[in-house]
PDB file of N, CA and C in Angstrom:
ATOM      1  N   MET A   1      12.102  36.910 -15.718  1.00  0.00           N
ATOM      2  CA  MET A   1      11.575  36.171 -15.081  1.00  0.00           C
ATOM      3  C   MET A   1      11.769  36.364 -13.441  1.00  0.00           C
ATOM      4  N   SER A   2      11.234  37.348 -12.763  1.00  0.00           N
ATOM      5  CA  SER A   2      11.546  37.359 -11.594  1.00  0.00           C
ATOM      6  C   SER A   2      11.493  36.553 -10.312  1.00  0.00           C
ATOM      7  N   ILE A   3      12.341  36.199  -9.199  1.00  0.00           N
ATOM      8  CA  ILE A   3      12.139  35.153  -8.229  1.00  0.00           C
ATOM      9  C   ILE A   3      10.802  35.490  -7.412  1.00  0.00           C
ATOM     10  N   GLY A   4      10.435  36.391  -7.320  1.00  0.00           N
ATOM     11  CA  GLY A   4       8.990  36.442  -6.704  1.00  0.00           C
ATOM     12  C   GLY A   4       7.815  36.101  -7.427  1.00  0.00           C
ATOM     13  N   ALA A   5       7.873  36.132  -8.630  1.00  0.00           N
ATOM     14  CA  ALA A   5       7.032  35.488  -9.509  1.00  0.00           C
ATOM     15  C   ALA A   5       6.745  33.936  -9.558  1.00  0.00           C
ATOM     16  N   VAL A   6       8.102  33.221  -9.118  1.00  0.00           N
ATOM     17  CA  VAL A   6       8.546  32.113  -9.213  1.00  0.00           C
ATOM     18  C   VAL A   6       7.800  31.512  -8.039  1.00  0.00           C
ATOM     19  N   GLY A   7       8.876  32.166  -6.884  1.00  0.00           N
ATOM     20  CA  GLY A   7       8.756  31.312  -5.599  1.00  0.00           C
ATOM     21  C   GLY A   7       7.568  32.317  -4.742  1.00  0.00           C
ATOM     22  N   GLY A   8       6.565  33.042  -5.353  1.00  0.00           N
ATOM     23  CA  GLY A   8       5.587  33.711  -4.366  1.00  0.00           C
ATOM     24  C   GLY A   8       4.760  32.599  -3.981  1.00  0.00           C
ATOM     25  N   ALA A   9       3.692  33.447  -3.392  1.00  0.00           N
ATOM     26  CA  ALA A   9       2.352  32.629  -3.022  1.00  0.00           C
ATOM     27  C   ALA A   9       1.635  31.815  -4.193  1.00  0.00           C
ATOM     28  N   GLY A  10       1.354  32.825  -5.273  1.00  0.00           N
ATOM     29  CA  GLY A  10       0.894  31.967  -6.209  1.00  0.00           C
ATOM     30  C   GLY A  10       1.584  31.195  -6.929  1.00  0.00           C
ATOM     31  N   GLY A  11       2.909  30.813  -6.971  1.00  0.00           N
ATOM     32  CA  GLY A  11       3.634  30.031  -7.421  1.00  0.00           C
ATOM     33  C   GLY A  11       3.368  28.492  -6.684  1.00  0.00           C
ATOM     34  N   ILE A  12       3.395  28.919  -5.073  1.00  0.00           N
ATOM     35  CA  ILE A  12       3.258  27.563  -4.282  1.00  0.00           C
ATOM     36  C   ILE A  12       1.677  26.980  -4.540  1.00  0.00           C
ATOM     37  N   ASP A  13       0.523  28.123  -4.666  1.00  0.00           N
ATOM     38  CA  ASP A  13      -0.799  27.334  -4.672  1.00  0.00           C
ATOM     39  C   ASP A  13      -0.909  26.896  -6.107  1.00  0.00           C
ATOM     40  N   ARG A  14      -0.198  27.081  -7.528  1.00  0.00           N
ATOM     41  CA  ARG A  14      -0.128  26.276  -8.670  1.00  0.00           C
ATOM     42  C   ARG A  14       0.227  25.247  -8.535  1.00  0.00           C
ATOM     43  N   VAL A  15       1.372  25.057  -7.615  1.00  0.00           N
ATOM     44  CA  VAL A  15       2.133  23.600  -7.304  1.00  0.00           C
ATOM     45  C   VAL A  15       1.415  22.723  -6.583  1.00  0.00           C
ATOM     46  N   MET A  16       0.567  23.306  -5.477  1.00  0.00           N
ATOM     47  CA  MET A  16      -0.431  22.368  -4.610  1.00  0.00           C
ATOM     48  C   MET A  16      -1.734  22.168  -5.624  1.00  0.00           C
ATOM     49  N   GLN A  17      -1.762  23.158  -6.450  1.00  0.00           N
ATOM     50  CA  GLN A  17      -3.266  22.654  -7.703  1.00  0.00           C
ATOM     51  C   GLN A  17      -2.692  21.428  -8.243  1.00  0.00           C
ATOM     52  N   LEU A  18      -1.961  21.711  -8.809  1.00  0.00           N
ATOM     53  CA  LEU A  18      -1.087  20.527  -9.768  1.00  0.00           C
ATOM     54  C   LEU A  18      -1.069  18.990  -8.639  1.00  0.00           C
ATOM     55  N   ARG A  19      -0.425  19.183  -7.945  1.00  0.00           N
ATOM     56  CA  ARG A  19      -0.380  17.750  -6.898  1.00  0.00           C
ATOM     57  C   ARG A  19      -1.651  17.520  -6.754  1.00  0.00           C
ATOM     58  N   ALA A  20      -2.723  18.156  -6.516  1.00  0.00           N
ATOM     59  CA  ALA A  20      -3.756  17.553  -6.081  1.00  0.00           C
ATOM     60  C   ALA A  20      -4.682  16.759  -7.284  1.00  0.00           C
ATOM     61  N   GLN A  21      -4.427  17.794  -8.469  1.00  0.00           N
ATOM     62  CA  GLN A  21      -4.778  17.204  -9.563  1.00  0.00           C
ATOM     63  C   GLN A  21      -4.261  15.580  -9.919  1.00  0.00           C
ATOM     64  N   ILE A  22      -2.936  15.520  -9.611  1.00  0.00           N
ATOM     65  CA  ILE A  22      -2.246  14.428 -10.088  1.00  0.00           C
ATOM     66  C   ILE A  22      -2.704  13.487  -8.991  1.00  0.00           C
ATOM     67  N   LEU A  23      -2.922  13.680  -7.474  1.00  0.00           N
ATOM     68  CA  LEU A  23      -3.376  12.713  -6.574  1.00  0.00           C
ATOM     69  C   LEU A  23      -4.852  12.359  -7.015  1.00  0.00           C
ATOM     70  N   GLU A  24      -5.748  13.039  -7.535  1.00  0.00           N
ATOM     71  CA  GLU A  24      -6.990  12.738  -7.706  1.00  0.00           C
ATOM     72  C   GLU A  24      -6.850  11.741  -8.957  1.00  0.00           C
ATOM     73  N   ARG A  25      -6.264  12.228  -9.878  1.00  0.00           N
ATOM     74  CA  ARG A  25      -6.130  11.124 -11.379  1.00  0.00           C
ATOM     75  C   ARG A  25      -5.480   9.785 -10.764  1.00  0.00           C
ATOM     76  N   ASN A  26      -4.776   9.804  -9.922  1.00  0.00           N
ATOM     77  CA  ASN A  26      -3.772   8.276  -9.251  1.00  0.00           C
ATOM     78  C   ASN A  26      -4.919   7.879  -8.831  1.00  0.00           C
ATOM     79  N   ALA A  27      -5.913   8.409  -7.914  1.00  0.00           N
ATOM     80  CA  ALA A  27      -7.188   7.354  -6.994  1.00  0.00           C
ATOM     81  C   ALA A  27      -7.803   7.329  -8.292  1.00  0.00           C
ATOM     82  N   ALA A  28      -8.241   7.754  -9.194  1.00  0.00           N
ATOM     83  CA  ALA A  28      -9.336   7.527 -10.434  1.00  0.00           C
ATOM     84  C   ALA A  28      -8.503   6.249 -10.883  1.00  0.00           C
ATOM     85  N   LEU A  29      -7.312   6.135 -11.104  1.00  0.00           N
ATOM     86  CA  LEU A  29      -6.775   4.960 -11.918  1.00  0.00           C
ATOM     87  C   LEU A  29      -6.748   3.904 -11.181  1.00  0.00           C
ATOM     88  N   LYS A  30      -6.668   4.192  -9.880  1.00  0.00           N
ATOM     89  CA  LYS A  30      -6.579   2.995  -8.752  1.00  0.00           C
ATOM     90  C   LYS A  30      -7.867   2.511  -8.818  1.00  0.00           C
ATOM     91  N   ASN A  31      -9.035   3.218  -8.632  1.00  0.00           N
ATOM     92  CA  ASN A  31     -10.274   2.446  -8.674  1.00  0.00           C
ATOM     93  C   ASN A  31     -10.573   1.871  -9.913  1.00  0.00           C
ATOM     94  N   ALA A  32     -10.105   2.603 -11.399  1.00  0.00           N
ATOM     95  CA  ALA A  32     -10.159   1.927 -12.839  1.00  0.00           C
ATOM     96  C   ALA A  32      -9.659   0.472 -12.239  1.00  0.00           C
ATOM     97  N   THR A  33      -8.518   0.414 -12.038  1.00  0.00           N
ATOM     98  CA  THR A  33      -7.854  -0.836 -12.203  1.00  0.00           C
ATOM     99  C   THR A  33      -8.452  -1.875 -11.076  1.00  0.00           C
ATOM    100  N   SER A  34      -8.858  -1.286  -9.738  1.00  0.00           N
ATOM    101  CA  SER A  34      -9.526  -2.224  -9.174  1.00  0.00           C
ATOM    102  C   SER A  34     -10.937  -2.508  -9.410  1.00  0.00           C
ATOM    103  N   ALA A  35     -11.588  -1.893 -10.226  1.00  0.00           N
ATOM    104  CA  ALA A  35     -12.860  -2.201 -10.767  1.00  0.00           C
ATOM    105  C   ALA A  35     -12.654  -3.457 -11.760  1.00  0.00           C
ATOM    106  N   THR A  36     -11.718  -3.393 -12.750  1.00  0.00           N
ATOM    107  CA  THR A  36     -11.236  -4.053 -13.647  1.00  0.00           C
ATOM    108  C   THR A  36     -10.644  -5.330 -13.205  1.00  0.00           C
ATOM    109  N   ALA A  37     -10.029  -5.302 -12.100  1.00  0.00           N
ATOM    110  CA  ALA A  37      -9.463  -6.476 -11.553  1.00  0.00           C
ATOM    111  C   ALA A  37     -10.309  -7.257 -10.822  1.00  0.00           C
ATOM    112  N   ALA A  38     -11.522  -6.811 -10.057  1.00  0.00           N
ATOM    113  CA  ALA A  38     -12.365  -7.620  -9.470  1.00  0.00           C
ATOM    114  C   ALA A  38     -13.032  -9.195 -10.405  1.00  0.00           C
ATOM    115  N   PRO A  39     -13.771  -8.654 -11.738  1.00  0.00           N
ATOM    116  CA  PRO A  39     -13.926  -9.647 -12.065  1.00  0.00           C
ATOM    117  C   PRO A  39     -12.715 -10.659 -12.586  1.00  0.00           C
ATOM    118  N   VAL A  40     -11.583 -10.428 -12.664  1.00  0.00           N
ATOM    119  CA  VAL A  40     -10.621 -11.051 -12.880  1.00  0.00           C
ATOM    120  C   VAL A  40     -10.560 -12.576 -11.607  1.00  0.00           C
ATOM    121  N   GLN A  41     -10.604 -12.092 -10.569  1.00  0.00           N
ATOM    122  CA  GLN A  41     -10.560 -12.585  -9.483  1.00  0.00           C
ATOM    123  C   GLN A  41     -11.851 -13.489  -9.267  1.00  0.00           C
ATOM    124  N   ALA A  42     -12.935 -12.997  -9.443  1.00  0.00           N
ATOM    125  CA  ALA A  42     -14.016 -13.901  -9.744  1.00  0.00           C
ATOM    126  C   ALA A  42     -14.170 -15.046 -10.763  1.00  0.00           C
ATOM    127  N   GLN A  43     -13.169 -15.063 -11.493  1.00  0.00           N
ATOM    128  CA  GLN A  43     -13.106 -16.328 -12.472  1.00  0.00           C
ATOM    129  C   GLN A  43     -12.000 -17.521 -11.908  1.00  0.00           C
ATOM    130  N   GLN A  44     -11.729 -17.398 -10.719  1.00  0.00           N
ATOM    131  CA  GLN A  44     -10.767 -18.431 -10.317  1.00  0.00           C
ATOM    132  C   GLN A  44     -11.801 -19.604  -9.699  1.00  0.00           C
ATOM    133  N   PRO A  45     -10.952 -20.581  -9.782  1.00  0.00           N
ATOM    134  CA  PRO A  45     -11.913 -22.026  -9.489  1.00  0.00           C
ATOM    135  C   PRO A  45     -12.393 -21.963  -8.230  1.00  0.00           C
ATOM    136  N   ALA A  46     -13.642 -22.271  -8.257  1.00  0.00           N
ATOM    137  CA  ALA A  46     -14.614 -22.339  -6.976  1.00  0.00           C
ATOM    138  C   ALA A  46     -14.401 -23.364  -6.230  1.00  0.00           C
ATOM    139  N   GLY A  47     -13.060 -23.793  -5.986  1.00  0.00           N
ATOM    140  CA  GLY A  47     -12.874 -24.903  -4.923  1.00  0.00           C
ATOM    141  C   GLY A  47     -12.524 -24.397  -3.283  1.00  0.00           C
ATOM    142  N   PRO A  48     -12.621 -25.279  -2.573  1.00  0.00           N
ATOM    143  CA  PRO A  48     -12.486 -24.493  -0.996  1.00  0.00           C
ATOM    144  C   PRO A  48     -10.896 -23.816  -0.904  1.00  0.00           C
ATOM    145  N   VAL A  49     -10.780 -22.970  -0.304  1.00  0.00           N
ATOM    146  CA  VAL A  49      -9.588 -22.425  -0.070  1.00  0.00           C
ATOM    147  C   VAL A  49      -8.894 -22.324   1.515  1.00  0.00           C
ATOM    148  N   SER A  50      -8.108 -23.090   1.943  1.00  0.00           N
ATOM    149  CA  SER A  50      -7.792 -23.251   3.154  1.00  0.00           C
ATOM    150  C   SER A  50      -7.537 -21.768   3.781  1.00  0.00           C
ATOM    151  N   PHE A  51      -7.461 -21.737   5.191  1.00  0.00           N
ATOM    152  CA  PHE A  51      -7.148 -20.433   5.715  1.00  0.00           C
ATOM    153  C   PHE A  51      -5.738 -20.261   5.513  1.00  0.00           C
ATOM    154  N   ALA A  52      -4.723 -21.225   5.950  1.00  0.00           N
ATOM    155  CA  ALA A  52      -3.319 -21.510   5.873  1.00  0.00           C
ATOM    156  C   ALA A  52      -2.961 -21.143   4.534  1.00  0.00           C
ATOM    157  N   ASP A  53      -3.501 -21.279   3.599  1.00  0.00           N
ATOM    158  CA  ASP A  53      -3.317 -20.912   1.989  1.00  0.00           C
ATOM    159  C   ASP A  53      -3.370 -19.410   1.829  1.00  0.00           C
ATOM    160  N   THR A  54      -4.777 -18.994   2.434  1.00  0.00           N
ATOM    161  CA  THR A  54      -5.340 -17.483   2.350  1.00  0.00           C
ATOM    162  C   THR A  54      -4.066 -16.525   3.507  1.00  0.00           C
ATOM    163  N   LEU A  55      -3.742 -17.199   4.434  1.00  0.00           N
ATOM    164  CA  LEU A  55      -2.534 -16.664   5.196  1.00  0.00           C
ATOM    165  C   LEU A  55      -1.447 -16.294   4.453  1.00  0.00           C
ATOM    166  N   GLU A  56      -0.986 -17.221   3.736  1.00  0.00           N
ATOM    167  CA  GLU A  56       0.209 -17.436   3.224  1.00  0.00           C
ATOM    168  C   GLU A  56       0.311 -16.167   1.838  1.00  0.00           C
ATOM    169  N   THR A  57      -0.840 -16.324   1.354  1.00  0.00           N
ATOM    170  CA  THR A  57      -0.907 -15.371   0.188  1.00  0.00           C
ATOM    171  C   THR A  57      -0.993 -14.017   0.858  1.00  0.00           C
ATOM    172  N   ALA A  58      -1.414 -13.919   1.832  1.00  0.00           N
ATOM    173  CA  ALA A  58      -1.382 -12.306   2.293  1.00  0.00           C
ATOM    174  C   ALA A  58      -0.208 -11.964   2.721  1.00  0.00           C
ATOM    175  N   LEU A  59       0.634 -12.795   3.568  1.00  0.00           N
ATOM    176  CA  LEU A  59       1.828 -12.568   4.280  1.00  0.00           C
ATOM    177  C   LEU A  59       2.829 -12.519   2.942  1.00  0.00           C
ATOM    178  N   LYS A  60       2.732 -13.065   1.757  1.00  0.00           N
ATOM    179  CA  LYS A  60       3.744 -12.876   0.615  1.00  0.00           C
ATOM    180  C   LYS A  60       3.372 -11.424   0.027  1.00  0.00           C
ATOM    181  N   GLN A  61       2.095 -11.155   0.010  1.00  0.00           N
ATOM    182  CA  GLN A  61       1.790  -9.783  -0.434  1.00  0.00           C
ATOM    183  C   GLN A  61       2.522  -8.723   0.317  1.00  0.00           C
ATOM    184  N   VAL A  62       2.295  -8.696   1.947  1.00  0.00           N
ATOM    185  CA  VAL A  62       2.894  -7.947   2.588  1.00  0.00           C
ATOM    186  C   VAL A  62       4.251  -7.680   2.495  1.00  0.00           C
ATOM    187  N   ASN A  63       5.107  -9.028   2.300  1.00  0.00           N
ATOM    188  CA  ASN A  63       6.552  -9.193   1.907  1.00  0.00           C
ATOM    189  C   ASN A  63       6.875  -8.486   0.834  1.00  0.00           C
ATOM    190  N   GLY A  64       5.964  -8.454  -0.298  1.00  0.00           N
ATOM    191  CA  GLY A  64       6.316  -7.952  -1.489  1.00  0.00           C
ATOM    192  C   GLY A  64       6.287  -6.416  -1.349  1.00  0.00           C
ATOM    193  N   ALA A  65       5.317  -6.202  -1.065  1.00  0.00           N
ATOM    194  CA  ALA A  65       5.040  -4.545  -0.537  1.00  0.00           C
ATOM    195  C   ALA A  65       6.310  -3.946   0.033  1.00  0.00           C
ATOM    196  N   GLN A  66       6.814  -4.604   1.026  1.00  0.00           N
ATOM    197  CA  GLN A  66       7.865  -4.220   1.988  1.00  0.00           C
ATOM    198  C   GLN A  66       9.177  -4.220   1.067  1.00  0.00           C
ATOM    199  N   SER A  67       9.232  -5.237   0.060  1.00  0.00           N
ATOM    200  CA  SER A  67      10.398  -5.104  -0.468  1.00  0.00           C
ATOM    201  C   SER A  67      10.582  -4.381  -1.781  1.00  0.00           C
ATOM    202  N   ARG A  68       9.303  -3.836  -2.380  1.00  0.00           N
ATOM    203  CA  ARG A  68       8.915  -2.783  -3.397  1.00  0.00           C
ATOM    204  C   ARG A  68       9.545  -1.493  -2.483  1.00  0.00           C
ATOM    205  N   ALA A  69       8.981  -1.276  -1.426  1.00  0.00           N
ATOM    206  CA  ALA A  69       9.192   0.019  -0.884  1.00  0.00           C
ATOM    207  C   ALA A  69      10.695   0.168  -0.383  1.00  0.00           C
ATOM    208  N   SER A  70      11.401  -0.773  -0.356  1.00  0.00           N
ATOM    209  CA  SER A  70      12.964  -0.836   0.274  1.00  0.00           C
ATOM    210  C   SER A  70      13.491  -0.580  -1.040  1.00  0.00           C
ATOM    211  N   GLU A  71      13.262  -1.217  -2.184  1.00  0.00           N
ATOM    212  CA  GLU A  71      14.318  -1.251  -3.258  1.00  0.00           C
ATOM    213  C   GLU A  71      13.788   0.411  -3.931  1.00  0.00           C
ATOM    214  N   LEU A  72      12.311   1.244  -4.015  1.00  0.00           N
ATOM    215  CA  LEU A  72      12.399   2.307  -4.064  1.00  0.00           C
ATOM    216  C   LEU A  72      13.053   3.264  -3.665  1.00  0.00           C
ATOM    217  N   SER A  73      13.243   3.136  -2.052  1.00  0.00           N
ATOM    218  CA  SER A  73      13.707   3.864  -1.066  1.00  0.00           C
ATOM    219  C   SER A  73      15.383   3.701  -1.582  1.00  0.00           C
ATOM    220  N   ASP A  74      15.846   2.536  -1.631  1.00  0.00           N
ATOM    221  CA  ASP A  74      17.352   2.488  -2.120  1.00  0.00           C
ATOM    222  C   ASP A  74      17.846   3.369  -3.385  1.00  0.00           C
ATOM    223  N   ALA A  75      16.742   3.019  -4.383  1.00  0.00           N
ATOM    224  CA  ALA A  75      16.819   3.858  -5.699  1.00  0.00           C
ATOM    225  C   ALA A  75      17.081   5.289  -5.392  1.00  0.00           C
ATOM    226  N   TYR A  76      16.400   5.824  -4.219  1.00  0.00           N
ATOM    227  CA  TYR A  76      15.942   7.270  -4.276  1.00  0.00           C
ATOM    228  C   TYR A  76      17.304   7.480  -3.535  1.00  0.00           C
ATOM    229  N   GLU A  77      18.014   6.722  -2.515  1.00  0.00           N
ATOM    230  CA  GLU A  77      18.905   7.251  -1.704  1.00  0.00           C
ATOM    231  C   GLU A  77      20.144   7.335  -2.719  1.00  0.00           C
ATOM    232  N   ARG A  78      20.090   6.322  -3.721  1.00  0.00           N
ATOM    233  CA  ARG A  78      21.339   6.172  -4.730  1.00  0.00           C
ATOM    234  C   ARG A  78      21.442   7.352  -5.618  1.00  0.00           C
ATOM    235  N   GLY A  79      20.318   8.214  -5.892  1.00  0.00           N
ATOM    236  CA  GLY A  79      19.953   9.205  -6.600  1.00  0.00           C
ATOM    237  C   GLY A  79      19.653   9.157  -8.172  1.00  0.00           C
ATOM    238  N   GLU A  80      18.932   7.930  -8.222  1.00  0.00           N
ATOM    239  CA  GLU A  80      18.189   7.592  -9.373  1.00  0.00           C
ATOM    240  C   GLU A  80      16.976   8.385  -9.415  1.00  0.00           C
ATOM    241  N   THR A  81      16.288   8.393 -10.526  1.00  0.00           N
ATOM    242  CA  THR A  81      15.136   9.160 -10.849  1.00  0.00           C
ATOM    243  C   THR A  81      14.102   8.396 -10.374  1.00  0.00           C
ATOM    244  N   VAL A  82      13.676   8.609  -8.951  1.00  0.00           N
ATOM    245  CA  VAL A  82      12.736   8.046  -8.641  1.00  0.00           C
ATOM    246  C   VAL A  82      11.884   9.269  -7.798  1.00  0.00           C
ATOM    247  N   ASP A  83      10.420   9.394  -8.147  1.00  0.00           N
ATOM    248  CA  ASP A  83       9.216  10.279  -7.587  1.00  0.00           C
ATOM    249  C   ASP A  83       9.403  10.016  -6.114  1.00  0.00           C
ATOM    250  N   ILE A  84       9.477  11.099  -5.090  1.00  0.00           N
ATOM    251  CA  ILE A  84       9.589  11.078  -3.819  1.00  0.00           C
ATOM    252  C   ILE A  84       8.027  10.508  -3.029  1.00  0.00           C
ATOM    253  N   ALA A  85       7.390  10.987  -4.045  1.00  0.00           N
ATOM    254  CA  ALA A  85       5.678  10.651  -3.728  1.00  0.00           C
ATOM    255  C   ALA A  85       5.727   9.337  -3.625  1.00  0.00           C
ATOM    256  N   LYS A  86       6.061   8.534  -4.810  1.00  0.00           N
ATOM    257  CA  LYS A  86       5.921   7.258  -5.093  1.00  0.00           C
ATOM    258  C   LYS A  86       6.719   6.431  -3.939  1.00  0.00           C
ATOM    259  N   VAL A  87       7.830   6.712  -3.509  1.00  0.00           N
ATOM    260  CA  VAL A  87       8.590   6.161  -2.389  1.00  0.00           C
ATOM    261  C   VAL A  87       7.974   6.256  -1.151  1.00  0.00           C
ATOM    262  N   MET A  88       7.548   7.464  -0.906  1.00  0.00           N
ATOM    263  CA  MET A  88       6.688   7.659   0.343  1.00  0.00           C
ATOM    264  C   MET A  88       5.263   6.631   0.437  1.00  0.00           C
ATOM    265  N   LEU A  89       4.652   6.579  -0.816  1.00  0.00           N
ATOM    266  CA  LEU A  89       3.386   5.854  -0.904  1.00  0.00           C
ATOM    267  C   LEU A  89       3.693   4.381  -0.708  1.00  0.00           C
ATOM    268  N   ALA A  90       4.856   3.817  -1.215  1.00  0.00           N
ATOM    269  CA  ALA A  90       5.215   2.833  -1.415  1.00  0.00           C
ATOM    270  C   ALA A  90       5.433   2.067   0.058  1.00  0.00           C
ATOM    271  N   ARG A  91       6.165   2.875   0.852  1.00  0.00           N
ATOM    272  CA  ARG A  91       6.619   2.822   2.090  1.00  0.00           C
ATOM    273  C   ARG A  91       5.467   3.024   3.130  1.00  0.00           C
ATOM    274  N   GLN A  92       4.345   3.737   3.098  1.00  0.00           N
ATOM    275  CA  GLN A  92       2.983   3.744   3.890  1.00  0.00           C
ATOM    276  C   GLN A  92       2.831   2.463   3.644  1.00  0.00           C
ATOM    277  N   GLU A  93       2.248   1.971   2.199  1.00  0.00           N
ATOM    278  CA  GLU A  93       1.552   1.120   1.991  1.00  0.00           C
ATOM    279  C   GLU A  93       2.129  -0.517   2.635  1.00  0.00           C
ATOM    280  N   ALA A  94       3.600  -0.410   2.521  1.00  0.00           N
ATOM    281  CA  ALA A  94       4.380  -1.640   3.218  1.00  0.00           C
ATOM    282  C   ALA A  94       3.828  -1.329   4.931  1.00  0.00           C
ATOM    283  N   SER A  95       4.040  -0.415   5.389  1.00  0.00           N
ATOM    284  CA  SER A  95       3.701  -0.046   6.887  1.00  0.00           C
ATOM    285  C   SER A  95       2.249  -0.445   7.347  1.00  0.00           C
ATOM    286  N   VAL A  96       1.354   0.049   6.379  1.00  0.00           N
ATOM    287  CA  VAL A  96      -0.002  -0.292   6.816  1.00  0.00           C
ATOM    288  C   VAL A  96      -0.273  -2.076   6.846  1.00  0.00           C
ATOM    289  N   GLY A  97       0.340  -2.478   5.715  1.00  0.00           N
ATOM    290  CA  GLY A  97       0.267  -4.140   5.499  1.00  0.00           C
ATOM    291  C   GLY A  97       0.976  -4.803   6.472  1.00  0.00           C
ATOM    292  N   PHE A  98       1.874  -4.222   7.252  1.00  0.00           N
ATOM    293  CA  PHE A  98       2.487  -4.780   8.231  1.00  0.00           C
ATOM    294  C   PHE A  98       1.656  -4.693   9.200  1.00  0.00           C
ATOM    295  N   GLU A  99       1.406  -3.581   9.663  1.00  0.00           N
ATOM    296  CA  GLU A  99       0.609  -3.290  10.878  1.00  0.00           C
ATOM    297  C   GLU A  99      -0.939  -4.153  10.968  1.00  0.00           C
ATOM    298  N   ALA A 100      -1.303  -4.220   9.579  1.00  0.00           N
ATOM    299  CA  ALA A 100      -2.437  -5.289   9.676  1.00  0.00           C
ATOM    300  C   ALA A 100      -2.449  -6.664   9.956  1.00  0.00           C
ATOM    301  N   THR A 101      -1.214  -7.046   9.403  1.00  0.00           N
ATOM    302  CA  THR A 101      -0.564  -8.436   9.633  1.00  0.00           C
ATOM    303  C   THR A 101      -0.362  -8.542  10.976  1.00  0.00           C
ATOM    304  N   LEU A 102       0.213  -7.379  11.753  1.00  0.00           N
ATOM    305  CA  LEU A 102       0.450  -7.756  13.178  1.00  0.00           C
ATOM    306  C   LEU A 102      -0.561  -7.858  14.084  1.00  0.00           C
ATOM    307  N   GLN A 103      -1.939  -6.873  13.701  1.00  0.00           N
ATOM    308  CA  GLN A 103      -3.067  -7.164  14.264  1.00  0.00           C
ATOM    309  C   GLN A 103      -3.795  -8.550  14.145  1.00  0.00           C
ATOM    310  N   VAL A 104      -3.501  -9.046  12.607  1.00  0.00           N
ATOM    311  CA  VAL A 104      -4.281 -10.416  12.680  1.00  0.00           C
ATOM    312  C   VAL A 104      -3.521 -11.486  13.636  1.00  0.00           C
ATOM    313  N   ARG A 105      -2.248 -11.502  13.521  1.00  0.00           N
ATOM    314  CA  ARG A 105      -1.363 -12.125  14.620  1.00  0.00           C
ATOM    315  C   ARG A 105      -2.089 -12.270  15.805  1.00  0.00           C
ATOM    316  N   ASN A 106      -1.930 -10.821  16.631  1.00  0.00           N
ATOM    317  CA  ASN A 106      -2.282 -10.877  17.927  1.00  0.00           C
ATOM    318  C   ASN A 106      -3.864 -11.285  17.966  1.00  0.00           C
ATOM    319  N   LYS A 107      -4.860 -11.135  17.086  1.00  0.00           N
ATOM    320  CA  LYS A 107      -6.152 -11.664  17.170  1.00  0.00           C
ATOM    321  C   LYS A 107      -5.936 -13.215  17.035  1.00  0.00           C
ATOM    322  N   LEU A 108      -4.843 -13.858  16.613  1.00  0.00           N
ATOM    323  CA  LEU A 108      -5.046 -15.286  16.418  1.00  0.00           C
ATOM    324  C   LEU A 108      -4.409 -15.783  17.373  1.00  0.00           C
ATOM    325  N   LEU A 109      -3.486 -15.273  18.297  1.00  0.00           N
ATOM    326  CA  LEU A 109      -2.764 -15.454  19.267  1.00  0.00           C
ATOM    327  C   LEU A 109      -3.964 -15.282  20.714  1.00  0.00           C
ATOM    328  N   THR A 110      -4.660 -14.226  20.629  1.00  0.00           N
ATOM    329  CA  THR A 110      -5.787 -14.291  21.484  1.00  0.00           C
ATOM    330  C   THR A 110      -6.700 -15.308  21.585  1.00  0.00           C
ATOM    331  N   ALA A 111      -7.136 -15.646  20.285  1.00  0.00           N
ATOM    332  CA  ALA A 111      -8.092 -16.671  20.125  1.00  0.00           C
ATOM    333  C   ALA A 111      -7.580 -18.215  20.360  1.00  0.00           C
ATOM    334  N   TYR A 112      -6.117 -18.273  20.171  1.00  0.00           N
ATOM    335  CA  TYR A 112      -5.759 -19.576  20.646  1.00  0.00           C
ATOM    336  C   TYR A 112      -5.666 -19.601  21.984  1.00  0.00           C
ATOM    337  N   ARG A 113      -5.152 -18.528  22.717  1.00  0.00           N
ATOM    338  CA  ARG A 113      -5.209 -18.398  24.452  1.00  0.00           C
ATOM    339  C   ARG A 113      -6.439 -18.827  24.965  1.00  0.00           C
ATOM    340  N   ASP A 114      -7.456 -18.170  24.285  1.00  0.00           N
ATOM    341  CA  ASP A 114      -8.907 -18.295  24.857  1.00  0.00           C
ATOM    342  C   ASP A 114      -9.403 -20.153  24.598  1.00  0.00           C
ATOM    343  N   ILE A 115      -8.956 -20.514  23.470  1.00  0.00           N
ATOM    344  CA  ILE A 115      -9.262 -21.926  23.481  1.00  0.00           C
ATOM    345  C   ILE A 115      -8.457 -22.865  24.377  1.00  0.00           C
ATOM    346  N   MET A 116      -7.549 -22.488  24.409  1.00  0.00           N
ATOM    347  CA  MET A 116      -6.266 -23.307  25.113  1.00  0.00           C
ATOM    348  C   MET A 116      -6.746 -23.137  26.897  1.00  0.00           C
ATOM    349  N   SER A 117      -7.368 -22.308  27.094  1.00  0.00           N
ATOM    350  CA  SER A 117      -7.952 -21.804  28.682  1.00  0.00           C
ATOM    351  C   SER A 117      -9.441 -22.385  28.745  1.00  0.00           C
ATOM    352  N   MET A 118      -9.853 -23.000  27.822  1.00  0.00           N
ATOM    353  CA  MET A 118     -11.373 -23.391  27.858  1.00  0.00           C
ATOM    354  C   MET A 118     -11.046 -24.634  28.477  1.00  0.00           C
ATOM    355  N   PRO A 119     -12.187 -25.065  29.477  1.00  0.00           N
ATOM    356  CA  PRO A 119     -12.003 -26.358  30.428  1.00  0.00           C
ATOM    357  C   PRO A 119     -12.542 -27.714  29.360  1.00  0.00           C
ATOM    358  N   VAL A 120     -12.007 -28.675  29.532  1.00  0.00           N
ATOM    359  CA  VAL A 120     -12.740 -29.746  28.424  1.00  0.00           C
ATOM    360  C   VAL A 120     -13.535 -30.604  28.937  1.00  0.00           C
TER     361      VAL A 120
END
């Protein structure tokens, strides 16, 4: 097998097609997982849920995502067999979660300031 046959434009196109197929299948699996997870969440008790509990749960999820991203990055740096796409996806997921948390915090602070500046 010649180097041109492996490293040529056809080889790159084939790799990109395989990558696209993998990403499509991954998205389909995520959709299937989220579709089956929704009924499970609906079976939770119908009692009132406080804002503090909801916020605490969200913060724990963001912290968990950041921990997973850190663990995957460390494993990749140690040379363990970890897919780089999985590492980058976990890091992006953690980053998006952190940014969303930061935006919620900013909105809460703005609302607090608005309430405190209201005349009594």
